Amino acid sequence: VTGGSSGIGKCIAIECYKQGAFITLIARDEVSVCVILWAKLFTKSVVLCISVDVSKDYEQVENVLKQAQEKLGPVDMLVNCAGTSVTGKFEDIEVNSFERLMAVNYLGSVYPSRAVIATMKERRMGRIVFVSSQAGQLGLFGYTAYSPTKFALRGLAEALQMEVKPYNVYITVAYPPDTDTPGFAEESKTKPLETKLISETSSVCQAEQVARVIVKDAIQGNFNSSVGSDGYMLSILTSGMSPVTSITEGLQQVVCMGIFRIIGLFYLGSFDSIVRRCMMQREKSESADKTE
């Protein structure tokens, strides 16, 4: 599990532990004492903690994953959960932030996946999970740096699934909503008002709930993993040419697409209204300041 020291990644690791898995936690920073402590609580499973930045050096990522497989055996499931976010208006975001987010959120999933895919194909078994976001299904105000990196994961997942499906290797791309994690709390400090108001139209999920859904869908070999009614609707609306796990899933998409599109248009209208209202309030405030 990359990004396994906190948030959704940590909860996914715990969920896998409950199912008896040997776990390798990969985090960018030096693994904190608290992570090591909670890892030592696992008495029935083996837990390995590795510190590496999965977005910088492919050879280093490949080496640490080889070491992990030598100690714990081949990787049956890789969960790419490492990620970060920057919010703000397009013109206010530093250019290097676009580069950094693409490196962490996209290449940080490409490198670990590239390191394990050959062995999975040889063994004719394996699961790779890409943790995207609902912002990877729908572009929203304030996410011009973040959303494209999460959209990219879907393209990678679709193309890779077509390549590896004959080898009994399955890809899952998860689209969690706003989730109560340290990363979300940090992101909320700098969100533009428009982004906050749009986010408040849906509830914040708990990381444990999201982790349970992702692990369940990955084990079942589902391509899409969504949480809640909003997540289900978004998955239907954005299904496009995505792989389906069953005929039933495909039929649901065909039947529900029309009505969900109507509902989605109302959502988009309300989001546009929020943006316009905030713009008008800001201009009114600026005008009042000038007159004073």
Protein backbone atom coordinates (compact mmCIF):
# COMPACT_ATOMS: atom_id res chain seq x y z
CA VAL A 1 0.00 0.00 0.00
CA THR A 2 1.59 3.26 -1.10
CA GLY A 3 0.67 6.30 0.96
CA GLY A 4 0.04 3.80 3.74
CA SER A 5 1.06 5.89 6.71
CA SER A 6 -2.22 7.76 7.11
CA GLY A 7 -5.70 8.40 5.76
CA ILE A 8 -7.31 6.02 3.27
CA GLY A 9 -4.05 4.15 2.67
CA LYS A 10 -3.63 3.32 6.34
CA CYS A 11 -7.25 2.19 6.62
CA ILE A 12 -6.87 -0.02 3.54
CA ALA A 13 -3.83 -1.63 5.14
CA ILE A 14 -5.82 -2.29 8.33
CA GLU A 15 -8.71 -3.73 6.31
CA CYS A 16 -6.30 -6.08 4.49
CA TYR A 17 -4.78 -7.07 7.83
CA LYS A 18 -8.20 -8.08 9.08
CA GLN A 19 -8.39 -10.46 6.14
CA GLY A 20 -5.05 -12.03 7.03
CA ALA A 21 -2.78 -10.36 4.49
CA PHE A 22 0.94 -9.74 4.76
CA ILE A 23 1.29 -5.98 4.38
CA THR A 24 3.96 -3.64 3.04
CA LEU A 25 3.41 0.03 3.90
CA ILE A 26 5.19 2.51 1.65
CA ALA A 27 5.35 6.17 2.67
CA ARG A 28 7.34 9.11 1.30
CA ASP A 29 8.66 10.50 4.55
CA GLU A 30 10.58 8.61 7.19
CA VAL A 31 8.08 6.21 8.70
CA SER A 32 6.89 7.88 11.88
CA VAL A 33 7.04 6.28 15.31
CA CYS A 34 3.26 6.15 15.51
CA VAL A 35 3.10 4.13 12.28
CA ILE A 36 5.66 1.66 13.56
CA LEU A 37 3.75 1.33 16.81
CA TRP A 38 0.44 0.54 15.18
CA ALA A 39 2.20 -1.83 12.81
CA LYS A 40 3.67 -3.74 15.75
CA LEU A 41 0.19 -4.34 17.06
CA PHE A 42 -0.34 -6.80 14.23
CA THR A 43 0.52 -10.16 15.71
CA LYS A 44 -1.10 -12.44 13.15
CA SER A 45 0.22 -10.73 10.05
CA VAL A 46 3.62 -9.55 8.89
CA VAL A 47 3.91 -5.79 8.40
CA LEU A 48 6.84 -4.23 6.55
CA CYS A 49 7.37 -0.45 6.57
CA ILE A 50 9.40 1.16 3.76
CA SER A 51 10.30 4.83 3.29
CA VAL A 52 10.58 5.87 -0.35
CA ASP A 53 9.20 8.60 -2.59
CA VAL A 54 7.29 6.61 -5.23
CA SER A 55 7.15 9.61 -7.58
CA LYS A 56 10.85 10.37 -8.09
CA ASP A 57 13.10 7.44 -8.97
CA TYR A 58 11.65 4.39 -10.72
CA GLU A 59 14.72 2.24 -10.09
CA GLN A 60 14.53 2.95 -6.37
CA VAL A 61 10.83 2.06 -6.31
CA GLU A 62 11.56 -1.15 -8.22
CA ASN A 63 14.35 -2.09 -5.80
CA VAL A 64 12.30 -1.60 -2.63
CA LEU A 65 9.42 -3.61 -4.05
CA LYS A 66 11.83 -6.41 -4.94
CA GLN A 67 13.06 -6.38 -1.35
CA ALA A 68 9.50 -6.50 -0.06
CA GLN A 69 8.70 -9.49 -2.28
CA GLU A 70 11.82 -11.30 -1.12
CA LYS A 71 10.64 -10.93 2.48
CA LEU A 72 6.89 -11.39 2.13
CA GLY A 73 6.42 -13.11 -1.21
CA PRO A 74 4.94 -11.90 -4.52
CA VAL A 75 2.54 -8.96 -4.52
CA ASP A 76 -1.03 -10.20 -4.83
CA MET A 77 -2.57 -6.73 -4.60
CA LEU A 78 -0.96 -3.32 -5.06
CA VAL A 79 -2.88 -0.31 -3.78
CA ASN A 80 -1.67 3.00 -5.20
CA CYS A 81 -2.88 5.44 -2.58
CA ALA A 82 -0.04 7.98 -2.48
CA GLY A 83 -1.32 11.40 -3.40
CA THR A 84 -1.53 15.06 -2.55
CA SER A 85 -3.70 18.05 -3.41
CA VAL A 86 -3.40 21.76 -4.08
CA THR A 87 -6.49 23.93 -4.45
CA GLY A 88 -6.86 27.45 -5.77
CA LYS A 89 -7.78 29.45 -8.82
CA PHE A 90 -5.90 28.43 -11.95
CA GLU A 91 -3.95 31.69 -12.22
CA ASP A 92 -3.09 31.68 -8.51
CA ILE A 93 -1.53 28.21 -8.38
CA GLU A 94 2.25 28.11 -8.73
CA VAL A 95 3.35 26.46 -11.98
CA ASN A 96 5.59 24.00 -10.14
CA SER A 97 2.52 22.76 -8.24
CA PHE A 98 1.09 21.38 -11.49
CA GLU A 99 4.33 19.50 -12.07
CA ARG A 100 4.52 18.22 -8.49
CA LEU A 101 0.94 16.95 -8.44
CA MET A 102 1.36 15.14 -11.74
CA ALA A 103 4.51 13.51 -10.40
CA VAL A 104 2.99 12.40 -7.09
CA ASN A 105 -0.57 11.56 -8.13
CA TYR A 106 0.16 10.03 -11.54
CA LEU A 107 3.78 8.88 -11.76
CA GLY A 108 3.54 7.85 -8.09
CA SER A 109 1.07 5.22 -9.29
CA VAL A 110 2.81 4.38 -12.57
CA TYR A 111 6.16 3.47 -10.98
CA PRO A 112 4.95 0.91 -8.38
CA SER A 113 2.54 -0.64 -10.90
CA ARG A 114 5.29 -0.94 -13.49
CA ALA A 115 7.49 -2.65 -10.90
CA VAL A 116 5.01 -5.46 -10.13
CA ILE A 117 3.06 -5.99 -13.34
CA ALA A 118 5.48 -8.46 -14.99
CA THR A 119 5.41 -10.81 -12.00
CA MET A 120 1.62 -10.63 -11.80
CA LYS A 121 1.33 -11.58 -15.48
CA GLU A 122 3.78 -14.45 -15.04
CA ARG A 123 1.78 -15.76 -12.05
CA ARG A 124 -1.53 -15.24 -13.86
CA MET A 125 -2.98 -13.45 -10.85
CA GLY A 126 -2.99 -10.04 -9.22
CA ARG A 127 -4.90 -6.89 -8.44
CA ILE A 128 -3.79 -3.29 -8.94
CA VAL A 129 -5.82 -0.48 -7.38
CA PHE A 130 -5.57 3.16 -8.42
CA VAL A 131 -7.11 5.54 -5.90
CA SER A 132 -8.44 8.42 -7.96
CA SER A 133 -11.14 10.77 -6.67
CA GLN A 134 -14.59 12.05 -7.54
CA ALA A 135 -12.57 15.04 -8.76
CA GLY A 136 -11.18 12.57 -11.29
CA GLN A 137 -14.68 12.13 -12.70
CA LEU A 138 -15.84 15.73 -12.59
CA GLY A 139 -13.77 18.88 -12.91
CA LEU A 140 -14.63 21.40 -10.21
CA PHE A 141 -13.74 24.98 -9.33
CA GLY A 142 -10.38 25.14 -7.55
CA TYR A 143 -9.11 21.75 -8.75
CA THR A 144 -7.36 22.72 -11.99
CA ALA A 145 -4.07 21.28 -10.70
CA TYR A 146 -5.55 18.27 -8.90
CA SER A 147 -8.34 16.97 -11.16
CA PRO A 148 -6.21 16.34 -14.28
CA THR A 149 -3.86 14.09 -12.30
CA LYS A 150 -6.80 12.02 -11.08
CA PHE A 151 -8.39 11.91 -14.54
CA ALA A 152 -5.07 10.56 -15.83
CA LEU A 153 -5.33 7.56 -13.52
CA ARG A 154 -8.53 6.50 -15.20
CA GLY A 155 -6.91 6.54 -18.64
CA LEU A 156 -4.03 4.49 -17.30
CA ALA A 157 -6.40 2.05 -15.61
CA GLU A 158 -8.53 1.51 -18.72
CA ALA A 159 -5.57 0.93 -21.03
CA LEU A 160 -3.78 -1.31 -18.54
CA GLN A 161 -6.89 -3.38 -17.86
CA MET A 162 -7.17 -4.24 -21.54
CA GLU A 163 -3.53 -5.36 -21.56
CA VAL A 164 -3.57 -7.55 -18.45
CA LYS A 165 -7.08 -9.02 -18.41
CA PRO A 166 -6.04 -12.09 -20.46
CA TYR A 167 -3.48 -12.84 -17.73
CA ASN A 168 -6.14 -12.89 -14.99
CA VAL A 169 -4.85 -9.61 -13.58
CA TYR A 170 -7.51 -7.05 -12.74
CA ILE A 171 -7.45 -3.30 -12.31
CA THR A 172 -9.67 -1.30 -9.96
CA VAL A 173 -9.93 2.48 -10.08
CA ALA A 174 -11.52 3.97 -6.96
CA TYR A 175 -13.30 7.31 -6.84
CA PRO A 176 -13.63 8.24 -3.16
CA PRO A 177 -15.58 11.38 -2.21
CA ASP A 178 -14.36 13.95 0.31
CA THR A 179 -12.98 11.79 3.11
CA ASP A 180 -12.06 12.68 6.68
CA THR A 181 -8.27 12.35 6.50
CA PRO A 182 -5.29 14.51 7.53
CA GLY A 183 -4.79 15.39 3.87
CA PHE A 184 -8.39 16.58 3.52
CA ALA A 185 -8.07 18.69 6.66
CA GLU A 186 -4.92 20.33 5.31
CA GLU A 187 -6.51 20.93 1.91
CA SER A 188 -9.54 22.57 3.51
CA LYS A 189 -7.35 25.31 4.97
CA THR A 190 -6.65 26.80 1.55
CA LYS A 191 -9.82 25.97 -0.40
CA PRO A 192 -11.40 28.88 -2.26
CA LEU A 193 -14.87 29.80 -0.99
CA GLU A 194 -16.46 28.43 -4.16
CA THR A 195 -14.78 25.06 -3.67
CA LYS A 196 -15.88 24.89 -0.03
CA LEU A 197 -19.50 25.65 -0.90
CA ILE A 198 -19.55 23.07 -3.69
CA SER A 199 -17.97 20.47 -1.40
CA GLU A 200 -20.61 21.12 1.24
CA THR A 201 -23.33 19.88 -1.12
CA SER A 202 -22.25 16.35 -0.22
CA SER A 203 -21.23 14.77 3.07
CA VAL A 204 -17.72 13.82 4.18
CA CYS A 205 -17.09 10.07 4.41
CA GLN A 206 -15.02 8.23 6.99
CA ALA A 207 -11.75 6.71 5.78
CA GLU A 208 -12.64 3.30 7.26
CA GLN A 209 -15.84 3.14 5.20
CA VAL A 210 -14.03 4.10 2.00
CA ALA A 211 -11.30 1.54 2.65
CA ARG A 212 -13.80 -1.29 3.14
CA VAL A 213 -15.48 -0.53 -0.19
CA ILE A 214 -12.18 -0.29 -2.09
CA VAL A 215 -10.81 -3.57 -0.71
CA LYS A 216 -14.10 -5.36 -1.39
CA ASP A 217 -14.27 -4.13 -4.99
CA ALA A 218 -10.61 -4.96 -5.61
CA ILE A 219 -11.00 -8.52 -4.32
CA GLN A 220 -14.06 -8.99 -6.50
CA GLY A 221 -12.20 -7.69 -9.54
CA ASN A 222 -14.52 -4.72 -10.11
CA PHE A 223 -13.09 -2.05 -12.39
CA ASN A 224 -14.99 0.83 -10.78
CA SER A 225 -15.18 1.44 -7.05
CA SER A 226 -17.47 4.17 -5.74
CA VAL A 227 -18.93 5.10 -2.37
CA GLY A 228 -22.49 6.19 -1.66
CA SER A 229 -25.36 7.23 -3.91
CA ASP A 230 -23.53 10.24 -5.36
CA GLY A 231 -20.55 8.04 -6.17
CA TYR A 232 -22.79 5.46 -7.86
CA MET A 233 -24.46 8.14 -9.98
CA LEU A 234 -21.10 9.62 -11.02
CA SER A 235 -19.80 6.18 -11.98
CA ILE A 236 -22.82 5.62 -14.20
CA LEU A 237 -22.60 9.10 -15.77
CA THR A 238 -18.88 8.79 -16.53
CA SER A 239 -18.87 5.12 -17.53
CA GLY A 240 -18.30 5.90 -21.23
CA MET A 241 -16.15 3.08 -22.65
CA SER A 242 -14.95 1.82 -19.27
CA PRO A 243 -14.76 -1.95 -18.78
CA VAL A 244 -17.69 -3.61 -17.03
CA THR A 245 -17.44 -6.46 -14.57
CA SER A 246 -20.78 -8.03 -15.48
CA ILE A 247 -23.67 -7.79 -17.91
CA THR A 248 -25.81 -6.53 -15.02
CA GLU A 249 -23.46 -3.60 -14.48
CA GLY A 250 -23.61 -2.71 -18.18
CA LEU A 251 -27.41 -2.85 -18.20
CA GLN A 252 -27.60 -0.61 -15.14
CA GLN A 253 -25.47 1.96 -16.94
CA VAL A 254 -27.68 1.88 -20.03
CA VAL A 255 -30.92 2.13 -18.07
CA CYS A 256 -29.83 4.80 -15.57
CA MET A 257 -27.74 7.04 -17.82
CA GLY A 258 -30.59 9.27 -19.01
CA ILE A 259 -32.20 10.03 -15.67
CA PHE A 260 -28.82 10.47 -13.98
CA ARG A 261 -27.82 12.95 -16.69
CA ILE A 262 -30.88 15.04 -15.86
CA ILE A 263 -30.00 14.98 -12.16
CA GLY A 264 -26.39 15.79 -13.02
CA LEU A 265 -27.45 18.86 -14.99
CA PHE A 266 -29.23 20.20 -11.91
CA TYR A 267 -26.03 19.68 -9.90
CA LEU A 268 -23.97 21.49 -12.53
CA GLY A 269 -26.48 24.34 -12.56
CA SER A 270 -26.23 24.72 -8.79
CA PHE A 271 -22.41 24.67 -8.94
CA ASP A 272 -22.42 27.38 -11.63
CA SER A 273 -24.82 29.40 -9.47
CA ILE A 274 -22.45 29.15 -6.51
CA VAL A 275 -19.52 30.38 -8.61
CA ARG A 276 -21.49 33.29 -10.06
CA ARG A 277 -22.81 34.30 -6.64
CA CYS A 278 -19.33 34.29 -5.13
CA MET A 279 -17.99 36.33 -8.04
CA MET A 280 -20.73 38.93 -7.66
CA GLN A 281 -20.19 39.18 -3.91
CA ARG A 282 -16.45 39.58 -4.44
CA GLU A 283 -16.91 42.29 -7.07
CA LYS A 284 -19.42 44.08 -4.86
CA SER A 285 -17.00 43.98 -1.94
CA GLU A 286 -14.10 45.25 -4.11
CA SER A 287 -16.28 48.04 -5.45
CA ALA A 288 -17.26 49.07 -1.93
CA ASP A 289 -13.60 49.12 -0.86
CA LYS A 290 -12.70 51.41 -3.79
CA THR A 291 -15.46 53.91 -2.95
CA GLU A 292 -14.25 54.11 0.62
